[in-house]
Amino acid sequence: MLATDIGVEVVYALPDRQVVITLRVCQGSTAREVIVQSGILNDFSEIDLDSSSIGVFSQILGAGGIEGPSKYRVRDLDRLEIYRPLIADPKEVRRRRAKVNQATQS
């Protein structure tokens, strides 16, 4: 272990389980490099780094002034989260639920 190594986690959640890979990487590695290095792409072919959202502790990389995965330099103890695409729009689900609740109360 080198003094410039840092510890990070790569996380991917499925409906029935969560995969957490803990690894040590060189300081200065980008989020994208760390995800590739973790080997998670070999186990989950559905992950497309070009279209998947990546976050660090729920902060989406490439949004809100945070650099994207190809530029964001990971820090010691970062938790890189790979998000699956939404299967339903949360706003639309809430609208439908409100309509059903409104209809049952009338």
PDB file of N, CA and C in Angstrom:
ATOM      1  N   MET A   1       0.844  -1.179   0.000  1.00  0.00           N
ATOM      2  CA  MET A   1       0.000   0.000   0.000  1.00  0.00           C
ATOM      3  C   MET A   1       0.893   1.248   0.000  1.00  0.00           C
ATOM      4  N   LEU A   2       0.636   2.132  -0.916  1.00  0.00           N
ATOM      5  CA  LEU A   2       1.392   3.366  -1.016  1.00  0.00           C
ATOM      6  C   LEU A   2       0.731   4.456  -0.195  1.00  0.00           C
ATOM      7  N   ALA A   3       1.494   5.446   0.181  1.00  0.00           N
ATOM      8  CA  ALA A   3       0.944   6.560   0.955  1.00  0.00           C
ATOM      9  C   ALA A   3      -0.078   7.344   0.140  1.00  0.00           C
ATOM     10  N   THR A   4      -0.009   7.215  -1.199  1.00  0.00           N
ATOM     11  CA  THR A   4      -0.941   7.956  -2.048  1.00  0.00           C
ATOM     12  C   THR A   4      -2.196   7.147  -2.377  1.00  0.00           C
ATOM     13  N   ASP A   5      -2.302   5.921  -1.850  1.00  0.00           N
ATOM     14  CA  ASP A   5      -3.509   5.127  -2.042  1.00  0.00           C
ATOM     15  C   ASP A   5      -4.618   5.657  -1.148  1.00  0.00           C
ATOM     16  N   ILE A   6      -5.845   5.610  -1.668  1.00  0.00           N
ATOM     17  CA  ILE A   6      -6.999   6.005  -0.867  1.00  0.00           C
ATOM     18  C   ILE A   6      -8.052   4.900  -0.962  1.00  0.00           C
ATOM     19  N   GLY A   7      -8.907   4.828   0.027  1.00  0.00           N
ATOM     20  CA  GLY A   7      -9.962   3.821   0.046  1.00  0.00           C
ATOM     21  C   GLY A   7     -11.267   4.403  -0.459  1.00  0.00           C
ATOM     22  N   VAL A   8     -11.940   3.667  -1.352  1.00  0.00           N
ATOM     23  CA  VAL A   8     -13.236   4.089  -1.891  1.00  0.00           C
ATOM     24  C   VAL A   8     -14.153   2.873  -2.000  1.00  0.00           C
ATOM     25  N   GLU A   9     -15.441   3.146  -2.163  1.00  0.00           N
ATOM     26  CA  GLU A   9     -16.422   2.093  -2.399  1.00  0.00           C
ATOM     27  C   GLU A   9     -17.140   2.379  -3.703  1.00  0.00           C
ATOM     28  N   VAL A  10     -17.479   1.320  -4.425  1.00  0.00           N
ATOM     29  CA  VAL A  10     -18.331   1.409  -5.606  1.00  0.00           C
ATOM     30  C   VAL A  10     -19.583   0.608  -5.269  1.00  0.00           C
ATOM     31  N   VAL A  11     -20.754   1.234  -5.439  1.00  0.00           N
ATOM     32  CA  VAL A  11     -22.011   0.621  -5.022  1.00  0.00           C
ATOM     33  C   VAL A  11     -22.987   0.573  -6.188  1.00  0.00           C
ATOM     34  N   TYR A  12     -23.675  -0.569  -6.304  1.00  0.00           N
ATOM     35  CA  TYR A  12     -24.726  -0.728  -7.308  1.00  0.00           C
ATOM     36  C   TYR A  12     -25.858  -1.497  -6.647  1.00  0.00           C
ATOM     37  N   ALA A  13     -27.061  -0.955  -6.693  1.00  0.00           N
ATOM     38  CA  ALA A  13     -28.195  -1.594  -6.033  1.00  0.00           C
ATOM     39  C   ALA A  13     -29.168  -2.145  -7.061  1.00  0.00           C
ATOM     40  N   LEU A  14     -29.573  -3.370  -6.820  1.00  0.00           N
ATOM     41  CA  LEU A  14     -30.603  -4.035  -7.609  1.00  0.00           C
ATOM     42  C   LEU A  14     -31.849  -4.156  -6.737  1.00  0.00           C
ATOM     43  N   PRO A  15     -32.986  -4.493  -7.306  1.00  0.00           N
ATOM     44  CA  PRO A  15     -34.192  -4.602  -6.481  1.00  0.00           C
ATOM     45  C   PRO A  15     -34.055  -5.597  -5.326  1.00  0.00           C
ATOM     46  N   ASP A  16     -33.262  -6.640  -5.530  1.00  0.00           N
ATOM     47  CA  ASP A  16     -33.169  -7.684  -4.508  1.00  0.00           C
ATOM     48  C   ASP A  16     -31.839  -7.737  -3.755  1.00  0.00           C
ATOM     49  N   ARG A  17     -30.889  -6.910  -4.128  1.00  0.00           N
ATOM     50  CA  ARG A  17     -29.605  -6.913  -3.414  1.00  0.00           C
ATOM     51  C   ARG A  17     -28.793  -5.669  -3.742  1.00  0.00           C
ATOM     52  N   GLN A  18     -27.784  -5.451  -2.899  1.00  0.00           N
ATOM     53  CA  GLN A  18     -26.874  -4.327  -3.101  1.00  0.00           C
ATOM     54  C   GLN A  18     -25.460  -4.882  -3.168  1.00  0.00           C
ATOM     55  N   VAL A  19     -24.702  -4.381  -4.131  1.00  0.00           N
ATOM     56  CA  VAL A  19     -23.309  -4.808  -4.288  1.00  0.00           C
ATOM     57  C   VAL A  19     -22.415  -3.656  -3.857  1.00  0.00           C
ATOM     58  N   VAL A  20     -21.501  -3.945  -2.942  1.00  0.00           N
ATOM     59  CA  VAL A  20     -20.547  -2.937  -2.468  1.00  0.00           C
ATOM     60  C   VAL A  20     -19.149  -3.498  -2.687  1.00  0.00           C
ATOM     61  N   ILE A  21     -18.363  -2.783  -3.454  1.00  0.00           N
ATOM     62  CA  ILE A  21     -16.979  -3.182  -3.708  1.00  0.00           C
ATOM     63  C   ILE A  21     -16.072  -2.140  -3.068  1.00  0.00           C
ATOM     64  N   THR A  22     -15.250  -2.585  -2.155  1.00  0.00           N
ATOM     65  CA  THR A  22     -14.298  -1.700  -1.482  1.00  0.00           C
ATOM     66  C   THR A  22     -12.922  -1.929  -2.113  1.00  0.00           C
ATOM     67  N   LEU A  23     -12.272  -0.840  -2.477  1.00  0.00           N
ATOM     68  CA  LEU A  23     -10.954  -0.982  -3.076  1.00  0.00           C
ATOM     69  C   LEU A  23     -10.073   0.217  -2.750  1.00  0.00           C
ATOM     70  N   ARG A  24      -8.798   0.012  -2.990  1.00  0.00           N
ATOM     71  CA  ARG A  24      -7.820   1.087  -2.815  1.00  0.00           C
ATOM     72  C   ARG A  24      -7.368   1.503  -4.198  1.00  0.00           C
ATOM     73  N   VAL A  25      -7.325   2.805  -4.409  1.00  0.00           N
ATOM     74  CA  VAL A  25      -6.953   3.348  -5.717  1.00  0.00           C
ATOM     75  C   VAL A  25      -5.913   4.449  -5.521  1.00  0.00           C
ATOM     76  N   CYS A  26      -5.277   4.812  -6.605  1.00  0.00           N
ATOM     77  CA  CYS A  26      -4.304   5.908  -6.556  1.00  0.00           C
ATOM     78  C   CYS A  26      -5.029   7.227  -6.370  1.00  0.00           C
ATOM     79  N   GLN A  27      -4.502   8.047  -5.502  1.00  0.00           N
ATOM     80  CA  GLN A  27      -5.048   9.388  -5.331  1.00  0.00           C
ATOM     81  C   GLN A  27      -4.987  10.093  -6.679  1.00  0.00           C
ATOM     82  N   GLY A  28      -6.052  10.808  -7.034  1.00  0.00           N
ATOM     83  CA  GLY A  28      -6.107  11.495  -8.314  1.00  0.00           C
ATOM     84  C   GLY A  28      -6.892  10.733  -9.363  1.00  0.00           C
ATOM     85  N   SER A  29      -7.331   9.509  -9.045  1.00  0.00           N
ATOM     86  CA  SER A  29      -8.139   8.736  -9.987  1.00  0.00           C
ATOM     87  C   SER A  29      -9.503   9.385 -10.154  1.00  0.00           C
ATOM     88  N   THR A  30     -10.050   9.290 -11.362  1.00  0.00           N
ATOM     89  CA  THR A  30     -11.390   9.831 -11.593  1.00  0.00           C
ATOM     90  C   THR A  30     -12.435   8.787 -11.197  1.00  0.00           C
ATOM     91  N   ALA A  31     -13.663   9.246 -11.007  1.00  0.00           N
ATOM     92  CA  ALA A  31     -14.752   8.345 -10.654  1.00  0.00           C
ATOM     93  C   ALA A  31     -14.913   7.253 -11.709  1.00  0.00           C
ATOM     94  N   ARG A  32     -14.844   7.651 -12.946  1.00  0.00           N
ATOM     95  CA  ARG A  32     -14.984   6.681 -14.047  1.00  0.00           C
ATOM     96  C   ARG A  32     -13.867   5.631 -13.992  1.00  0.00           C
ATOM     97  N   GLU A  33     -12.638   6.058 -13.777  1.00  0.00           N
ATOM     98  CA  GLU A  33     -11.513   5.118 -13.688  1.00  0.00           C
ATOM     99  C   GLU A  33     -11.702   4.130 -12.542  1.00  0.00           C
ATOM    100  N   VAL A  34     -12.177   4.626 -11.416  1.00  0.00           N
ATOM    101  CA  VAL A  34     -12.376   3.772 -10.245  1.00  0.00           C
ATOM    102  C   VAL A  34     -13.455   2.727 -10.522  1.00  0.00           C
ATOM    103  N   ILE A  35     -14.550   3.139 -11.172  1.00  0.00           N
ATOM    104  CA  ILE A  35     -15.623   2.190 -11.477  1.00  0.00           C
ATOM    105  C   ILE A  35     -15.106   1.092 -12.401  1.00  0.00           C
ATOM    106  N   VAL A  36     -14.346   1.465 -13.418  1.00  0.00           N
ATOM    107  CA  VAL A  36     -13.771   0.466 -14.326  1.00  0.00           C
ATOM    108  C   VAL A  36     -12.820  -0.448 -13.559  1.00  0.00           C
ATOM    109  N   GLN A  37     -11.974   0.138 -12.723  1.00  0.00           N
ATOM    110  CA  GLN A  37     -10.996  -0.633 -11.953  1.00  0.00           C
ATOM    111  C   GLN A  37     -11.681  -1.600 -10.988  1.00  0.00           C
ATOM    112  N   SER A  38     -12.857  -1.249 -10.487  1.00  0.00           N
ATOM    113  CA  SER A  38     -13.551  -2.098  -9.518  1.00  0.00           C
ATOM    114  C   SER A  38     -13.970  -3.436 -10.104  1.00  0.00           C
ATOM    115  N   GLY A  39     -14.128  -3.501 -11.426  1.00  0.00           N
ATOM    116  CA  GLY A  39     -14.557  -4.735 -12.066  1.00  0.00           C
ATOM    117  C   GLY A  39     -16.062  -4.934 -12.095  1.00  0.00           C
ATOM    118  N   ILE A  40     -16.813  -3.988 -11.573  1.00  0.00           N
ATOM    119  CA  ILE A  40     -18.266  -4.134 -11.501  1.00  0.00           C
ATOM    120  C   ILE A  40     -18.913  -4.217 -12.887  1.00  0.00           C
ATOM    121  N   LEU A  41     -18.286  -3.600 -13.874  1.00  0.00           N
ATOM    122  CA  LEU A  41     -18.838  -3.631 -15.231  1.00  0.00           C
ATOM    123  C   LEU A  41     -18.787  -5.041 -15.823  1.00  0.00           C
ATOM    124  N   ASN A  42     -17.867  -5.860 -15.350  1.00  0.00           N
ATOM    125  CA  ASN A  42     -17.780  -7.246 -15.811  1.00  0.00           C
ATOM    126  C   ASN A  42     -18.942  -8.087 -15.277  1.00  0.00           C
ATOM    127  N   ASP A  43     -19.428  -7.747 -14.093  1.00  0.00           N
ATOM    128  CA  ASP A  43     -20.502  -8.511 -13.458  1.00  0.00           C
ATOM    129  C   ASP A  43     -21.897  -8.038 -13.844  1.00  0.00           C
ATOM    130  N   PHE A  44     -22.011  -6.770 -14.259  1.00  0.00           N
ATOM    131  CA  PHE A  44     -23.320  -6.200 -14.574  1.00  0.00           C
ATOM    132  C   PHE A  44     -23.259  -5.522 -15.944  1.00  0.00           C
ATOM    133  N   SER A  45     -23.558  -6.289 -16.964  1.00  0.00           N
ATOM    134  CA  SER A  45     -23.453  -5.774 -18.339  1.00  0.00           C
ATOM    135  C   SER A  45     -24.463  -4.671 -18.626  1.00  0.00           C
ATOM    136  N   GLU A  46     -25.507  -4.564 -17.804  1.00  0.00           N
ATOM    137  CA  GLU A  46     -26.514  -3.515 -18.035  1.00  0.00           C
ATOM    138  C   GLU A  46     -26.020  -2.114 -17.668  1.00  0.00           C
ATOM    139  N   ILE A  47     -24.916  -2.025 -16.955  1.00  0.00           N
ATOM    140  CA  ILE A  47     -24.381  -0.717 -16.589  1.00  0.00           C
ATOM    141  C   ILE A  47     -23.697  -0.112 -17.803  1.00  0.00           C
ATOM    142  N   ASP A  48     -24.163   1.060 -18.201  1.00  0.00           N
ATOM    143  CA  ASP A  48     -23.556   1.809 -19.307  1.00  0.00           C
ATOM    144  C   ASP A  48     -23.046   3.119 -18.722  1.00  0.00           C
ATOM    145  N   LEU A  49     -21.740   3.230 -18.579  1.00  0.00           N
ATOM    146  CA  LEU A  49     -21.167   4.420 -17.944  1.00  0.00           C
ATOM    147  C   LEU A  49     -21.468   5.709 -18.699  1.00  0.00           C
ATOM    148  N   ASP A  50     -21.761   5.602 -19.985  1.00  0.00           N
ATOM    149  CA  ASP A  50     -22.062   6.809 -20.759  1.00  0.00           C
ATOM    150  C   ASP A  50     -23.470   7.327 -20.488  1.00  0.00           C
ATOM    151  N   SER A  51     -24.374   6.460 -20.042  1.00  0.00           N
ATOM    152  CA  SER A  51     -25.746   6.909 -19.807  1.00  0.00           C
ATOM    153  C   SER A  51     -26.186   6.800 -18.345  1.00  0.00           C
ATOM    154  N   SER A  52     -25.484   6.033 -17.533  1.00  0.00           N
ATOM    155  CA  SER A  52     -25.860   5.884 -16.126  1.00  0.00           C
ATOM    156  C   SER A  52     -25.483   7.126 -15.320  1.00  0.00           C
ATOM    157  N   SER A  53     -26.338   7.466 -14.379  1.00  0.00           N
ATOM    158  CA  SER A  53     -25.991   8.538 -13.449  1.00  0.00           C
ATOM    159  C   SER A  53     -25.080   7.968 -12.373  1.00  0.00           C
ATOM    160  N   ILE A  54     -24.075   8.735 -12.009  1.00  0.00           N
ATOM    161  CA  ILE A  54     -23.121   8.346 -10.972  1.00  0.00           C
ATOM    162  C   ILE A  54     -23.182   9.417  -9.887  1.00  0.00           C
ATOM    163  N   GLY A  55     -23.149   8.992  -8.652  1.00  0.00           N
ATOM    164  CA  GLY A  55     -23.182   9.941  -7.547  1.00  0.00           C
ATOM    165  C   GLY A  55     -22.124   9.619  -6.507  1.00  0.00           C
ATOM    166  N   VAL A  56     -21.849  10.602  -5.682  1.00  0.00           N
ATOM    167  CA  VAL A  56     -20.980  10.424  -4.519  1.00  0.00           C
ATOM    168  C   VAL A  56     -21.809  10.861  -3.326  1.00  0.00           C
ATOM    169  N   PHE A  57     -22.153   9.887  -2.481  1.00  0.00           N
ATOM    170  CA  PHE A  57     -23.021  10.161  -1.329  1.00  0.00           C
ATOM    171  C   PHE A  57     -24.274  10.934  -1.760  1.00  0.00           C
ATOM    172  N   SER A  58     -24.949  10.441  -2.788  1.00  0.00           N
ATOM    173  CA  SER A  58     -26.217  10.975  -3.312  1.00  0.00           C
ATOM    174  C   SER A  58     -26.093  12.304  -4.044  1.00  0.00           C
ATOM    175  N   GLN A  59     -24.910  12.796  -4.260  1.00  0.00           N
ATOM    176  CA  GLN A  59     -24.695  14.008  -5.051  1.00  0.00           C
ATOM    177  C   GLN A  59     -24.336  13.585  -6.467  1.00  0.00           C
ATOM    178  N   ILE A  60     -25.211  13.898  -7.426  1.00  0.00           N
ATOM    179  CA  ILE A  60     -25.016  13.458  -8.806  1.00  0.00           C
ATOM    180  C   ILE A  60     -23.807  14.166  -9.426  1.00  0.00           C
ATOM    181  N   LEU A  61     -22.890  13.371  -9.964  1.00  0.00           N
ATOM    182  CA  LEU A  61     -21.735  13.948 -10.644  1.00  0.00           C
ATOM    183  C   LEU A  61     -22.185  14.525 -11.981  1.00  0.00           C
ATOM    184  N   GLY A  62     -21.701  15.697 -12.304  1.00  0.00           N
ATOM    185  CA  GLY A  62     -22.082  16.370 -13.537  1.00  0.00           C
ATOM    186  C   GLY A  62     -23.300  17.257 -13.366  1.00  0.00           C
ATOM    187  N   ALA A  63     -23.770  17.431 -12.145  1.00  0.00           N
ATOM    188  CA  ALA A  63     -24.932  18.286 -11.870  1.00  0.00           C
ATOM    189  C   ALA A  63     -24.613  19.179 -10.671  1.00  0.00           C
ATOM    190  N   GLY A  64     -25.259  20.313 -10.610  1.00  0.00           N
ATOM    191  CA  GLY A  64     -25.095  21.200  -9.467  1.00  0.00           C
ATOM    192  C   GLY A  64     -23.680  21.708  -9.261  1.00  0.00           C
ATOM    193  N   GLY A  65     -22.952  21.877 -10.345  1.00  0.00           N
ATOM    194  CA  GLY A  65     -21.600  22.416 -10.229  1.00  0.00           C
ATOM    195  C   GLY A  65     -20.534  21.389  -9.896  1.00  0.00           C
ATOM    196  N   ILE A  66     -20.918  20.117  -9.773  1.00  0.00           N
ATOM    197  CA  ILE A  66     -19.955  19.050  -9.491  1.00  0.00           C
ATOM    198  C   ILE A  66     -19.465  18.496 -10.828  1.00  0.00           C
ATOM    199  N   GLU A  67     -18.180  18.254 -10.922  1.00  0.00           N
ATOM    200  CA  GLU A  67     -17.627  17.720 -12.164  1.00  0.00           C
ATOM    201  C   GLU A  67     -18.231  16.362 -12.489  1.00  0.00           C
ATOM    202  N   GLY A  68     -18.232  16.029 -13.775  1.00  0.00           N
ATOM    203  CA  GLY A  68     -18.749  14.741 -14.230  1.00  0.00           C
ATOM    204  C   GLY A  68     -17.819  13.594 -13.863  1.00  0.00           C
ATOM    205  N   PRO A  69     -18.273  12.342 -14.047  1.00  0.00           N
ATOM    206  CA  PRO A  69     -17.491  11.166 -13.654  1.00  0.00           C
ATOM    207  C   PRO A  69     -16.110  11.079 -14.292  1.00  0.00           C
ATOM    208  N   SER A  70     -15.945  11.621 -15.487  1.00  0.00           N
ATOM    209  CA  SER A  70     -14.643  11.545 -16.149  1.00  0.00           C
ATOM    210  C   SER A  70     -13.653  12.571 -15.621  1.00  0.00           C
ATOM    211  N   LYS A  71     -14.144  13.553 -14.866  1.00  0.00           N
ATOM    212  CA  LYS A  71     -13.256  14.599 -14.338  1.00  0.00           C
ATOM    213  C   LYS A  71     -13.194  14.623 -12.812  1.00  0.00           C
ATOM    214  N   TYR A  72     -14.243  14.135 -12.143  1.00  0.00           N
ATOM    215  CA  TYR A  72     -14.284  14.174 -10.681  1.00  0.00           C
ATOM    216  C   TYR A  72     -13.183  13.279 -10.118  1.00  0.00           C
ATOM    217  N   ARG A  73     -12.311  13.850  -9.309  1.00  0.00           N
ATOM    218  CA  ARG A  73     -11.229  13.110  -8.647  1.00  0.00           C
ATOM    219  C   ARG A  73     -11.746  12.585  -7.316  1.00  0.00           C
ATOM    220  N   VAL A  74     -11.725  11.271  -7.156  1.00  0.00           N
ATOM    221  CA  VAL A  74     -12.241  10.682  -5.926  1.00  0.00           C
ATOM    222  C   VAL A  74     -11.373  11.076  -4.738  1.00  0.00           C
ATOM    223  N   ARG A  75     -12.025  11.099  -3.599  1.00  0.00           N
ATOM    224  CA  ARG A  75     -11.346  11.427  -2.340  1.00  0.00           C
ATOM    225  C   ARG A  75     -11.393  10.208  -1.429  1.00  0.00           C
ATOM    226  N   ASP A  76     -10.525  10.190  -0.453  1.00  0.00           N
ATOM    227  CA  ASP A  76     -10.491   9.078   0.491  1.00  0.00           C
ATOM    228  C   ASP A  76     -11.874   8.890   1.113  1.00  0.00           C
ATOM    229  N   LEU A  77     -12.325   7.658   1.134  1.00  0.00           N
ATOM    230  CA  LEU A  77     -13.603   7.226   1.715  1.00  0.00           C
ATOM    231  C   LEU A  77     -14.830   7.621   0.895  1.00  0.00           C
ATOM    232  N   ASP A  78     -14.647   8.079  -0.343  1.00  0.00           N
ATOM    233  CA  ASP A  78     -15.799   8.361  -1.205  1.00  0.00           C
ATOM    234  C   ASP A  78     -16.578   7.075  -1.461  1.00  0.00           C
ATOM    235  N   ARG A  79     -17.887   7.219  -1.627  1.00  0.00           N
ATOM    236  CA  ARG A  79     -18.783   6.115  -1.968  1.00  0.00           C
ATOM    237  C   ARG A  79     -19.391   6.449  -3.326  1.00  0.00           C
ATOM    238  N   LEU A  80     -18.912   5.797  -4.376  1.00  0.00           N
ATOM    239  CA  LEU A  80     -19.419   6.023  -5.726  1.00  0.00           C
ATOM    240  C   LEU A  80     -20.660   5.157  -5.926  1.00  0.00           C
ATOM    241  N   GLU A  81     -21.756   5.794  -6.265  1.00  0.00           N
ATOM    242  CA  GLU A  81     -23.032   5.097  -6.430  1.00  0.00           C
ATOM    243  C   GLU A  81     -23.419   5.116  -7.904  1.00  0.00           C
ATOM    244  N   ILE A  82     -23.698   3.954  -8.459  1.00  0.00           N
ATOM    245  CA  ILE A  82     -24.148   3.841  -9.845  1.00  0.00           C
ATOM    246  C   ILE A  82     -25.659   3.660  -9.789  1.00  0.00           C
ATOM    247  N   TYR A  83     -26.386   4.592 -10.410  1.00  0.00           N
ATOM    248  CA  TYR A  83     -27.844   4.565 -10.331  1.00  0.00           C
ATOM    249  C   TYR A  83     -28.443   3.889 -11.558  1.00  0.00           C
ATOM    250  N   ARG A  84     -29.466   3.073 -11.318  1.00  0.00           N
ATOM    251  CA  ARG A  84     -30.216   2.449 -12.403  1.00  0.00           C
ATOM    252  C   ARG A  84     -31.224   3.463 -12.931  1.00  0.00           C
ATOM    253  N   PRO A  85     -31.646   3.320 -14.193  1.00  0.00           N
ATOM    254  CA  PRO A  85     -32.661   4.241 -14.723  1.00  0.00           C
ATOM    255  C   PRO A  85     -33.983   4.053 -13.980  1.00  0.00           C
ATOM    256  N   LEU A  86     -34.720   5.122 -13.827  1.00  0.00           N
ATOM    257  CA  LEU A  86     -36.033   5.032 -13.185  1.00  0.00           C
ATOM    258  C   LEU A  86     -36.992   4.263 -14.086  1.00  0.00           C
ATOM    259  N   ILE A  87     -37.833   3.438 -13.476  1.00  0.00           N
ATOM    260  CA  ILE A  87     -38.826   2.724 -14.270  1.00  0.00           C
ATOM    261  C   ILE A  87     -40.148   3.481 -14.301  1.00  0.00           C
ATOM    262  N   ALA A  88     -40.289   4.468 -13.419  1.00  0.00           N
ATOM    263  CA  ALA A  88     -41.490   5.304 -13.402  1.00  0.00           C
ATOM    264  C   ALA A  88     -41.104   6.697 -12.917  1.00  0.00           C
ATOM    265  N   ASP A  89     -41.777   7.686 -13.454  1.00  0.00           N
ATOM    266  CA  ASP A  89     -41.549   9.065 -13.033  1.00  0.00           C
ATOM    267  C   ASP A  89     -42.184   9.262 -11.659  1.00  0.00           C
ATOM    268  N   PRO A  90     -41.398   9.591 -10.622  1.00  0.00           N
ATOM    269  CA  PRO A  90     -41.937   9.733  -9.271  1.00  0.00           C
ATOM    270  C   PRO A  90     -43.076  10.753  -9.181  1.00  0.00           C
ATOM    271  N   LYS A  91     -42.985  11.829  -9.948  1.00  0.00           N
ATOM    272  CA  LYS A  91     -44.052  12.838  -9.908  1.00  0.00           C
ATOM    273  C   LYS A  91     -45.362  12.261 -10.442  1.00  0.00           C
ATOM    274  N   GLU A  92     -45.258  11.497 -11.514  1.00  0.00           N
ATOM    275  CA  GLU A  92     -46.466  10.896 -12.098  1.00  0.00           C
ATOM    276  C   GLU A  92     -47.063   9.866 -11.147  1.00  0.00           C
ATOM    277  N   VAL A  93     -46.255   9.093 -10.478  1.00  0.00           N
ATOM    278  CA  VAL A  93     -46.736   8.110  -9.507  1.00  0.00           C
ATOM    279  C   VAL A  93     -47.493   8.813  -8.379  1.00  0.00           C
ATOM    280  N   ARG A  94     -46.959   9.933  -7.882  1.00  0.00           N
ATOM    281  CA  ARG A  94     -47.632  10.686  -6.808  1.00  0.00           C
ATOM    282  C   ARG A  94     -48.967  11.249  -7.299  1.00  0.00           C
ATOM    283  N   ARG A  95     -48.985  11.749  -8.544  1.00  0.00           N
ATOM    284  CA  ARG A  95     -50.243  12.277  -9.108  1.00  0.00           C
ATOM    285  C   ARG A  95     -51.323  11.200  -9.164  1.00  0.00           C
ATOM    286  N   ARG A  96     -50.931  10.026  -9.656  1.00  0.00           N
ATOM    287  CA  ARG A  96     -51.893   8.919  -9.743  1.00  0.00           C
ATOM    288  C   ARG A  96     -52.393   8.507  -8.368  1.00  0.00           C
ATOM    289  N   ARG A  97     -51.485   8.420  -7.407  1.00  0.00           N
ATOM    290  CA  ARG A  97     -51.866   8.038  -6.051  1.00  0.00           C
ATOM    291  C   ARG A  97     -52.821   9.065  -5.452  1.00  0.00           C
ATOM    292  N   ALA A  98     -52.542  10.342  -5.688  1.00  0.00           N
ATOM    293  CA  ALA A  98     -53.423  11.405  -5.174  1.00  0.00           C
ATOM    294  C   ALA A  98     -54.801  11.306  -5.802  1.00  0.00           C
ATOM    295  N   LYS A  99     -54.863  11.003  -7.096  1.00  0.00           N
ATOM    296  CA  LYS A  99     -56.156  10.849  -7.777  1.00  0.00           C
ATOM    297  C   LYS A  99     -56.949   9.692  -7.183  1.00  0.00           C
ATOM    298  N   VAL A 100     -56.278   8.580  -6.955  1.00  0.00           N
ATOM    299  CA  VAL A 100     -56.950   7.419  -6.371  1.00  0.00           C
ATOM    300  C   VAL A 100     -57.437   7.739  -4.969  1.00  0.00           C
ATOM    301  N   ASN A 101     -56.619   8.381  -4.172  1.00  0.00           N
ATOM    302  CA  ASN A 101     -57.014   8.750  -2.800  1.00  0.00           C
ATOM    303  C   ASN A 101     -58.184   9.730  -2.829  1.00  0.00           C
ATOM    304  N   GLN A 102     -58.145  10.674  -3.744  1.00  0.00           N
ATOM    305  CA  GLN A 102     -59.213  11.663  -3.868  1.00  0.00           C
ATOM    306  C   GLN A 102     -60.526  10.978  -4.279  1.00  0.00           C
ATOM    307  N   ALA A 103     -60.456  10.029  -5.186  1.00  0.00           N
ATOM    308  CA  ALA A 103     -61.648   9.318  -5.651  1.00  0.00           C
ATOM    309  C   ALA A 103     -62.243   8.456  -4.554  1.00  0.00           C
ATOM    310  N   THR A 104     -61.407   7.843  -3.710  1.00  0.00           N
ATOM    311  CA  THR A 104     -61.921   6.985  -2.641  1.00  0.00           C
ATOM    312  C   THR A 104     -62.488   7.788  -1.481  1.00  0.00           C
ATOM    313  N   GLN A 105     -62.074   9.051  -1.335  1.00  0.00           N
ATOM    314  CA  GLN A 105     -62.588   9.897  -0.255  1.00  0.00           C
ATOM    315  C   GLN A 105     -63.873  10.592  -0.641  1.00  0.00           C
ATOM    316  N   SER A 106     -64.218  10.625  -1.917  1.00  0.00           N
ATOM    317  CA  SER A 106     -65.420  11.322  -2.375  1.00  0.00           C
ATOM    318  C   SER A 106     -66.646  10.479  -2.191  1.00  0.00           C
TER     319      SER A 106
END
